[in-house]
PDB file of N, CA and C in Angstrom:
ATOM      1  N   MET A   1      55.804 -46.172 -26.704  1.00  0.00           N
ATOM      2  CA  MET A   1      55.462 -47.774 -26.317  1.00  0.00           C
ATOM      3  C   MET A   1      54.763 -48.156 -26.651  1.00  0.00           C
ATOM      4  N   GLN A   2      53.591 -47.315 -27.868  1.00  0.00           N
ATOM      5  CA  GLN A   2      52.395 -47.670 -28.744  1.00  0.00           C
ATOM      6  C   GLN A   2      53.153 -48.716 -29.258  1.00  0.00           C
ATOM      7  N   GLY A   3      52.443 -50.328 -29.424  1.00  0.00           N
ATOM      8  CA  GLY A   3      52.888 -51.081 -30.866  1.00  0.00           C
ATOM      9  C   GLY A   3      54.251 -52.101 -30.102  1.00  0.00           C
ATOM     10  N   VAL A   4      54.699 -51.380 -28.762  1.00  0.00           N
ATOM     11  CA  VAL A   4      55.386 -52.103 -28.592  1.00  0.00           C
ATOM     12  C   VAL A   4      55.313 -53.721 -27.912  1.00  0.00           C
ATOM     13  N   LYS A   5      55.236 -54.878 -27.939  1.00  0.00           N
ATOM     14  CA  LYS A   5      54.863 -55.794 -26.829  1.00  0.00           C
ATOM     15  C   LYS A   5      55.813 -55.802 -25.326  1.00  0.00           C
ATOM     16  N   PRO A   6      55.082 -56.105 -24.037  1.00  0.00           N
ATOM     17  CA  PRO A   6      56.252 -56.182 -23.398  1.00  0.00           C
ATOM     18  C   PRO A   6      56.574 -57.557 -23.974  1.00  0.00           C
ATOM     19  N   GLU A   7      58.001 -58.051 -22.450  1.00  0.00           N
ATOM     20  CA  GLU A   7      59.072 -59.153 -22.911  1.00  0.00           C
ATOM     21  C   GLU A   7      58.232 -59.728 -20.886  1.00  0.00           C
ATOM     22  N   ALA A   8      58.644 -60.376 -20.877  1.00  0.00           N
ATOM     23  CA  ALA A   8      58.655 -61.649 -19.902  1.00  0.00           C
ATOM     24  C   ALA A   8      59.991 -59.934 -18.697  1.00  0.00           C
ATOM     25  N   VAL A   9      59.012 -59.862 -17.423  1.00  0.00           N
ATOM     26  CA  VAL A   9      59.485 -59.308 -16.941  1.00  0.00           C
ATOM     27  C   VAL A   9      60.456 -59.732 -15.508  1.00  0.00           C
ATOM     28  N   THR A  10      61.599 -60.402 -15.751  1.00  0.00           N
ATOM     29  CA  THR A  10      62.356 -61.170 -14.717  1.00  0.00           C
ATOM     30  C   THR A  10      63.080 -59.970 -13.547  1.00  0.00           C
ATOM     31  N   GLY A  11      63.309 -58.218 -13.775  1.00  0.00           N
ATOM     32  CA  GLY A  11      64.087 -57.571 -12.882  1.00  0.00           C
ATOM     33  C   GLY A  11      62.870 -56.668 -12.941  1.00  0.00           C
ATOM     34  N   GLY A  12      62.994 -55.674 -12.444  1.00  0.00           N
ATOM     35  CA  GLY A  12      62.428 -54.585 -12.078  1.00  0.00           C
ATOM     36  C   GLY A  12      61.794 -53.424 -13.462  1.00  0.00           C
ATOM     37  N   SER A  13      60.053 -53.913 -13.272  1.00  0.00           N
ATOM     38  CA  SER A  13      59.508 -53.448 -14.002  1.00  0.00           C
ATOM     39  C   SER A  13      58.627 -51.593 -14.340  1.00  0.00           C
ATOM     40  N   VAL A  14      58.318 -51.499 -15.379  1.00  0.00           N
ATOM     41  CA  VAL A  14      57.501 -49.893 -15.233  1.00  0.00           C
ATOM     42  C   VAL A  14      55.863 -50.072 -16.029  1.00  0.00           C
ATOM     43  N   LEU A  15      55.099 -49.384 -14.801  1.00  0.00           N
ATOM     44  CA  LEU A  15      53.782 -49.558 -15.850  1.00  0.00           C
ATOM     45  C   LEU A  15      53.744 -48.089 -17.195  1.00  0.00           C
ATOM     46  N   ILE A  16      52.831 -48.270 -18.095  1.00  0.00           N
ATOM     47  CA  ILE A  16      53.208 -47.718 -18.689  1.00  0.00           C
ATOM     48  C   ILE A  16      51.828 -47.715 -19.693  1.00  0.00           C
ATOM     49  N   GLY A  17      50.955 -47.283 -19.146  1.00  0.00           N
ATOM     50  CA  GLY A  17      49.208 -47.342 -19.965  1.00  0.00           C
ATOM     51  C   GLY A  17      48.661 -48.527 -18.586  1.00  0.00           C
ATOM     52  N   ARG A  18      48.688 -49.526 -19.630  1.00  0.00           N
ATOM     53  CA  ARG A  18      47.926 -50.747 -18.497  1.00  0.00           C
ATOM     54  C   ARG A  18      49.037 -51.482 -18.138  1.00  0.00           C
ATOM     55  N   ARG A  19      49.783 -51.195 -19.371  1.00  0.00           N
ATOM     56  CA  ARG A  19      51.131 -52.620 -18.998  1.00  0.00           C
ATOM     57  C   ARG A  19      52.580 -52.345 -18.407  1.00  0.00           C
ATOM     58  N   HIS A  20      52.893 -53.557 -17.886  1.00  0.00           N
ATOM     59  CA  HIS A  20      54.240 -53.790 -16.712  1.00  0.00           C
ATOM     60  C   HIS A  20      55.153 -53.716 -18.482  1.00  0.00           C
ATOM     61  N   TYR A  21      56.656 -52.980 -17.906  1.00  0.00           N
ATOM     62  CA  TYR A  21      57.703 -53.440 -18.838  1.00  0.00           C
ATOM     63  C   TYR A  21      59.083 -53.520 -18.503  1.00  0.00           C
ATOM     64  N   PRO A  22      59.684 -54.592 -18.914  1.00  0.00           N
ATOM     65  CA  PRO A  22      60.632 -54.408 -18.282  1.00  0.00           C
ATOM     66  C   PRO A  22      62.034 -53.092 -18.526  1.00  0.00           C
ATOM     67  N   VAL A  23      61.966 -52.547 -17.351  1.00  0.00           N
ATOM     68  CA  VAL A  23      62.737 -51.503 -17.697  1.00  0.00           C
ATOM     69  C   VAL A  23      63.423 -51.128 -18.453  1.00  0.00           C
ATOM     70  N   LYS A  24      64.121 -52.300 -19.027  1.00  0.00           N
ATOM     71  CA  LYS A  24      65.688 -52.226 -19.896  1.00  0.00           C
ATOM     72  C   LYS A  24      65.361 -51.983 -20.776  1.00  0.00           C
ATOM     73  N   GLN A  25      64.263 -52.765 -21.263  1.00  0.00           N
ATOM     74  CA  GLN A  25      62.937 -52.992 -22.673  1.00  0.00           C
ATOM     75  C   GLN A  25      62.587 -51.870 -22.842  1.00  0.00           C
ATOM     76  N   VAL A  26      62.253 -50.834 -22.160  1.00  0.00           N
ATOM     77  CA  VAL A  26      61.907 -49.476 -21.917  1.00  0.00           C
ATOM     78  C   VAL A  26      62.915 -48.712 -22.385  1.00  0.00           C
ATOM     79  N   GLY A  27      64.102 -48.679 -21.973  1.00  0.00           N
ATOM     80  CA  GLY A  27      65.795 -47.922 -21.560  1.00  0.00           C
ATOM     81  C   GLY A  27      65.835 -48.049 -23.025  1.00  0.00           C
ATOM     82  N   ALA A  28      66.354 -49.052 -23.466  1.00  0.00           N
ATOM     83  CA  ALA A  28      66.610 -49.287 -25.231  1.00  0.00           C
ATOM     84  C   ALA A  28      65.444 -49.025 -26.102  1.00  0.00           C
ATOM     85  N   VAL A  29      64.459 -48.827 -26.273  1.00  0.00           N
ATOM     86  CA  VAL A  29      62.899 -48.382 -27.165  1.00  0.00           C
ATOM     87  C   VAL A  29      63.752 -46.850 -26.919  1.00  0.00           C
ATOM     88  N   ILE A  30      63.114 -46.010 -25.783  1.00  0.00           N
ATOM     89  CA  ILE A  30      63.331 -44.749 -25.746  1.00  0.00           C
ATOM     90  C   ILE A  30      64.638 -43.629 -26.204  1.00  0.00           C
ATOM     91  N   THR A  31      66.227 -44.917 -26.167  1.00  0.00           N
ATOM     92  CA  THR A  31      66.707 -44.639 -25.956  1.00  0.00           C
ATOM     93  C   THR A  31      67.700 -45.075 -27.516  1.00  0.00           C
ATOM     94  N   GLY A  32      66.858 -45.414 -28.173  1.00  0.00           N
ATOM     95  CA  GLY A  32      67.687 -46.324 -29.088  1.00  0.00           C
ATOM     96  C   GLY A  32      69.307 -47.306 -28.707  1.00  0.00           C
ATOM     97  N   GLN A  33      70.088 -46.980 -27.745  1.00  0.00           N
ATOM     98  CA  GLN A  33      70.911 -47.057 -27.145  1.00  0.00           C
ATOM     99  C   GLN A  33      71.252 -48.765 -26.682  1.00  0.00           C
ATOM    100  N   ASP A  34      71.971 -49.297 -26.892  1.00  0.00           N
ATOM    101  CA  ASP A  34      72.072 -51.292 -26.333  1.00  0.00           C
ATOM    102  C   ASP A  34      71.966 -51.418 -24.782  1.00  0.00           C
ATOM    103  N   ARG A  35      70.567 -52.816 -24.613  1.00  0.00           N
ATOM    104  CA  ARG A  35      71.167 -52.298 -23.161  1.00  0.00           C
ATOM    105  C   ARG A  35      72.089 -52.281 -22.872  1.00  0.00           C
ATOM    106  N   ARG A  36      73.129 -52.934 -23.103  1.00  0.00           N
ATOM    107  CA  ARG A  36      74.397 -53.265 -22.208  1.00  0.00           C
ATOM    108  C   ARG A  36      75.199 -51.769 -21.537  1.00  0.00           C
ATOM    109  N   ASP A  37      74.548 -50.457 -22.024  1.00  0.00           N
ATOM    110  CA  ASP A  37      74.986 -49.425 -22.373  1.00  0.00           C
ATOM    111  C   ASP A  37      74.823 -48.537 -20.608  1.00  0.00           C
ATOM    112  N   PHE A  38      73.355 -49.392 -20.234  1.00  0.00           N
ATOM    113  CA  PHE A  38      72.975 -48.912 -18.896  1.00  0.00           C
ATOM    114  C   PHE A  38      72.571 -49.958 -18.247  1.00  0.00           C
ATOM    115  N   THR A  39      72.395 -49.390 -16.744  1.00  0.00           N
ATOM    116  CA  THR A  39      71.876 -50.358 -15.752  1.00  0.00           C
ATOM    117  C   THR A  39      70.434 -49.890 -15.428  1.00  0.00           C
ATOM    118  N   ALA A  40      69.803 -51.304 -15.278  1.00  0.00           N
ATOM    119  CA  ALA A  40      68.381 -51.326 -15.368  1.00  0.00           C
ATOM    120  C   ALA A  40      67.822 -50.023 -13.978  1.00  0.00           C
ATOM    121  N   GLU A  41      69.057 -50.293 -13.356  1.00  0.00           N
ATOM    122  CA  GLU A  41      68.624 -49.241 -12.269  1.00  0.00           C
ATOM    123  C   GLU A  41      68.574 -47.038 -12.753  1.00  0.00           C
ATOM    124  N   GLU A  42      69.477 -47.226 -12.836  1.00  0.00           N
ATOM    125  CA  GLU A  42      69.464 -45.796 -14.093  1.00  0.00           C
ATOM    126  C   GLU A  42      68.610 -45.780 -14.818  1.00  0.00           C
ATOM    127  N   VAL A  43      67.731 -46.485 -15.458  1.00  0.00           N
ATOM    128  CA  VAL A  43      66.700 -46.153 -15.927  1.00  0.00           C
ATOM    129  C   VAL A  43      65.421 -46.304 -14.914  1.00  0.00           C
ATOM    130  N   ARG A  44      65.473 -46.796 -14.266  1.00  0.00           N
ATOM    131  CA  ARG A  44      64.498 -46.687 -12.811  1.00  0.00           C
ATOM    132  C   ARG A  44      64.161 -45.831 -12.206  1.00  0.00           C
ATOM    133  N   ARG A  45      65.492 -45.512 -12.464  1.00  0.00           N
ATOM    134  CA  ARG A  45      65.688 -43.707 -11.605  1.00  0.00           C
ATOM    135  C   ARG A  45      65.223 -42.907 -12.685  1.00  0.00           C
ATOM    136  N   ALA A  46      65.446 -42.795 -13.862  1.00  0.00           N
ATOM    137  CA  ALA A  46      65.483 -41.745 -14.425  1.00  0.00           C
ATOM    138  C   ALA A  46      63.771 -41.263 -14.844  1.00  0.00           C
ATOM    139  N   LEU A  47      63.147 -42.705 -14.660  1.00  0.00           N
ATOM    140  CA  LEU A  47      61.343 -42.698 -15.157  1.00  0.00           C
ATOM    141  C   LEU A  47      60.006 -42.318 -13.841  1.00  0.00           C
ATOM    142  N   THR A  48      61.040 -43.049 -12.745  1.00  0.00           N
ATOM    143  CA  THR A  48      60.468 -42.403 -11.267  1.00  0.00           C
ATOM    144  C   THR A  48      60.380 -41.349 -11.843  1.00  0.00           C
ATOM    145  N   ARG A  49      62.042 -40.335 -11.601  1.00  0.00           N
ATOM    146  CA  ARG A  49      61.775 -38.997 -11.552  1.00  0.00           C
ATOM    147  C   ARG A  49      60.847 -38.224 -13.069  1.00  0.00           C
ATOM    148  N   LEU A  50      60.339 -39.165 -13.987  1.00  0.00           N
ATOM    149  CA  LEU A  50      59.437 -37.813 -15.430  1.00  0.00           C
ATOM    150  C   LEU A  50      58.203 -39.327 -14.148  1.00  0.00           C
ATOM    151  N   GLY A  51      58.072 -40.080 -13.497  1.00  0.00           N
ATOM    152  CA  GLY A  51      56.440 -39.359 -13.521  1.00  0.00           C
ATOM    153  C   GLY A  51      56.468 -41.008 -13.139  1.00  0.00           C
ATOM    154  N   PHE A  52      56.760 -41.963 -13.635  1.00  0.00           N
ATOM    155  CA  PHE A  52      55.812 -43.481 -14.085  1.00  0.00           C
ATOM    156  C   PHE A  52      56.499 -44.449 -12.351  1.00  0.00           C
ATOM    157  N   THR A  53      55.266 -45.183 -13.018  1.00  0.00           N
ATOM    158  CA  THR A  53      55.543 -45.994 -11.220  1.00  0.00           C
ATOM    159  C   THR A  53      56.768 -47.054 -11.976  1.00  0.00           C
ATOM    160  N   CYS A  54      57.196 -47.581 -10.626  1.00  0.00           N
ATOM    161  CA  CYS A  54      58.184 -48.190 -11.107  1.00  0.00           C
ATOM    162  C   CYS A  54      58.000 -49.426 -10.384  1.00  0.00           C
ATOM    163  N   GLN A  55      58.321 -50.918 -10.360  1.00  0.00           N
ATOM    164  CA  GLN A  55      58.214 -51.615 -10.072  1.00  0.00           C
ATOM    165  C   GLN A  55      59.465 -52.552  -9.557  1.00  0.00           C
ATOM    166  N   ASP A  56      60.230 -52.499  -7.925  1.00  0.00           N
ATOM    167  CA  ASP A  56      61.524 -53.697  -8.157  1.00  0.00           C
ATOM    168  C   ASP A  56      60.923 -55.205  -7.635  1.00  0.00           C
ATOM    169  N   THR A  57      60.902 -55.968  -8.915  1.00  0.00           N
ATOM    170  CA  THR A  57      60.651 -57.207  -8.573  1.00  0.00           C
ATOM    171  C   THR A  57      62.400 -58.061  -7.617  1.00  0.00           C
ATOM    172  N   GLY A  58      63.237 -57.234  -7.154  1.00  0.00           N
ATOM    173  CA  GLY A  58      64.331 -57.874  -7.062  1.00  0.00           C
ATOM    174  C   GLY A  58      64.315 -59.066  -6.319  1.00  0.00           C
ATOM    175  N   GLY A  59      65.754 -60.130  -6.114  1.00  0.00           N
ATOM    176  CA  GLY A  59      65.121 -61.297  -4.825  1.00  0.00           C
ATOM    177  C   GLY A  59      64.536 -62.286  -6.440  1.00  0.00           C
ATOM    178  N   ALA A  60      65.026 -63.633  -5.389  1.00  0.00           N
ATOM    179  CA  ALA A  60      64.576 -64.310  -5.803  1.00  0.00           C
ATOM    180  C   ALA A  60      62.986 -64.611  -5.485  1.00  0.00           C
ATOM    181  N   ALA A  61      62.795 -65.822  -6.892  1.00  0.00           N
ATOM    182  CA  ALA A  61      61.115 -65.808  -6.744  1.00  0.00           C
ATOM    183  C   ALA A  61      60.680 -66.327  -5.678  1.00  0.00           C
ATOM    184  N   PRO A  62      59.680 -67.082  -4.681  1.00  0.00           N
ATOM    185  CA  PRO A  62      59.021 -67.751  -3.823  1.00  0.00           C
ATOM    186  C   PRO A  62      59.353 -69.288  -4.287  1.00  0.00           C
ATOM    187  N   ALA A  63      59.539 -70.283  -3.823  1.00  0.00           N
ATOM    188  CA  ALA A  63      59.360 -71.407  -3.793  1.00  0.00           C
ATOM    189  C   ALA A  63      57.715 -72.172  -4.416  1.00  0.00           C
ATOM    190  N   GLN A  64      57.750 -72.975  -5.216  1.00  0.00           N
ATOM    191  CA  GLN A  64      56.186 -73.286  -5.883  1.00  0.00           C
ATOM    192  C   GLN A  64      56.162 -74.238  -4.429  1.00  0.00           C
ATOM    193  N   GLY A  65      54.537 -74.119  -3.961  1.00  0.00           N
ATOM    194  CA  GLY A  65      54.197 -74.520  -3.049  1.00  0.00           C
ATOM    195  C   GLY A  65      54.188 -74.904  -1.485  1.00  0.00           C
ATOM    196  N   LEU A  66      54.594 -73.844  -1.380  1.00  0.00           N
ATOM    197  CA  LEU A  66      55.045 -72.421  -0.100  1.00  0.00           C
ATOM    198  C   LEU A  66      54.211 -72.471   0.781  1.00  0.00           C
ATOM    199  N   THR A  67      53.444 -72.975   1.874  1.00  0.00           N
ATOM    200  CA  THR A  67      52.300 -71.501   2.424  1.00  0.00           C
ATOM    201  C   THR A  67      53.119 -69.626   2.195  1.00  0.00           C
ATOM    202  N   PRO A  68      52.334 -69.024   1.648  1.00  0.00           N
ATOM    203  CA  PRO A  68      52.644 -67.105   2.177  1.00  0.00           C
ATOM    204  C   PRO A  68      53.682 -67.061   3.382  1.00  0.00           C
ATOM    205  N   LEU A  69      53.827 -67.914   4.557  1.00  0.00           N
ATOM    206  CA  LEU A  69      54.959 -67.925   5.847  1.00  0.00           C
ATOM    207  C   LEU A  69      55.618 -68.338   5.114  1.00  0.00           C
ATOM    208  N   GLN A  70      56.248 -69.049   4.873  1.00  0.00           N
ATOM    209  CA  GLN A  70      57.244 -69.789   4.209  1.00  0.00           C
ATOM    210  C   GLN A  70      57.624 -69.401   3.253  1.00  0.00           C
ATOM    211  N   ALA A  71      57.221 -68.737   2.064  1.00  0.00           N
ATOM    212  CA  ALA A  71      57.600 -68.673   1.247  1.00  0.00           C
ATOM    213  C   ALA A  71      58.283 -67.095   1.851  1.00  0.00           C
ATOM    214  N   ALA A  72      58.019 -66.467   2.817  1.00  0.00           N
ATOM    215  CA  ALA A  72      58.783 -64.787   3.267  1.00  0.00           C
ATOM    216  C   ALA A  72      59.500 -65.660   4.227  1.00  0.00           C
ATOM    217  N   SER A  73      59.620 -66.873   4.843  1.00  0.00           N
ATOM    218  CA  SER A  73      60.602 -67.074   5.737  1.00  0.00           C
ATOM    219  C   SER A  73      61.555 -67.315   4.340  1.00  0.00           C
ATOM    220  N   ALA A  74      62.020 -68.161   3.538  1.00  0.00           N
ATOM    221  CA  ALA A  74      62.732 -68.333   3.183  1.00  0.00           C
ATOM    222  C   ALA A  74      63.575 -67.423   1.668  1.00  0.00           C
ATOM    223  N   LEU A  75      62.107 -65.996   1.973  1.00  0.00           N
ATOM    224  CA  LEU A  75      63.189 -64.857   1.144  1.00  0.00           C
ATOM    225  C   LEU A  75      64.051 -64.184   1.802  1.00  0.00           C
ATOM    226  N   LEU A  76      63.716 -64.347   2.951  1.00  0.00           N
ATOM    227  CA  LEU A  76      64.725 -63.329   4.344  1.00  0.00           C
ATOM    228  C   LEU A  76      65.187 -64.641   4.712  1.00  0.00           C
ATOM    229  N   GLY A  77      65.590 -65.187   5.565  1.00  0.00           N
ATOM    230  CA  GLY A  77      67.162 -66.115   5.181  1.00  0.00           C
ATOM    231  C   GLY A  77      66.901 -66.249   6.658  1.00  0.00           C
ATOM    232  N   THR A  78      67.983 -67.115   7.044  1.00  0.00           N
ATOM    233  CA  THR A  78      68.215 -67.196   8.733  1.00  0.00           C
ATOM    234  C   THR A  78      68.671 -66.371   9.574  1.00  0.00           C
ATOM    235  N   PRO A  79      68.740 -65.649  10.741  1.00  0.00           N
ATOM    236  CA  PRO A  79      68.931 -64.840  11.596  1.00  0.00           C
ATOM    237  C   PRO A  79      70.611 -65.020  11.066  1.00  0.00           C
ATOM    238  N   ALA A  80      71.496 -64.031  11.845  1.00  0.00           N
ATOM    239  CA  ALA A  80      72.520 -64.165  11.490  1.00  0.00           C
ATOM    240  C   ALA A  80      73.387 -65.029  12.564  1.00  0.00           C
ATOM    241  N   GLY A  81      72.515 -65.008  14.668  1.00  0.00           N
ATOM    242  CA  GLY A  81      73.052 -65.751  15.462  1.00  0.00           C
ATOM    243  C   GLY A  81      72.055 -67.247  15.168  1.00  0.00           C
ATOM    244  N   ALA A  82      71.762 -67.083  14.486  1.00  0.00           N
ATOM    245  CA  ALA A  82      70.801 -68.728  14.782  1.00  0.00           C
ATOM    246  C   ALA A  82      71.569 -69.944  14.336  1.00  0.00           C
TER     247      ALA A  82
END
């Protein structure tokens, strides 16, 4: 990935060197295929098997201006019985 500028990470990412790259960008660069030809999960699994550190940033980002407790509660949602 030398010479490749990381795009903004909106989903899962992989740490290569000291940079975080979107897994779909890495998949497209190393395979030469269109990003629509594979899923982020497929690339993440393959990179993890190869020893790379991957992070899944799935889920919505917490809203601005909330305390950490409020942000965590918003991400978890309300209980089914509530």
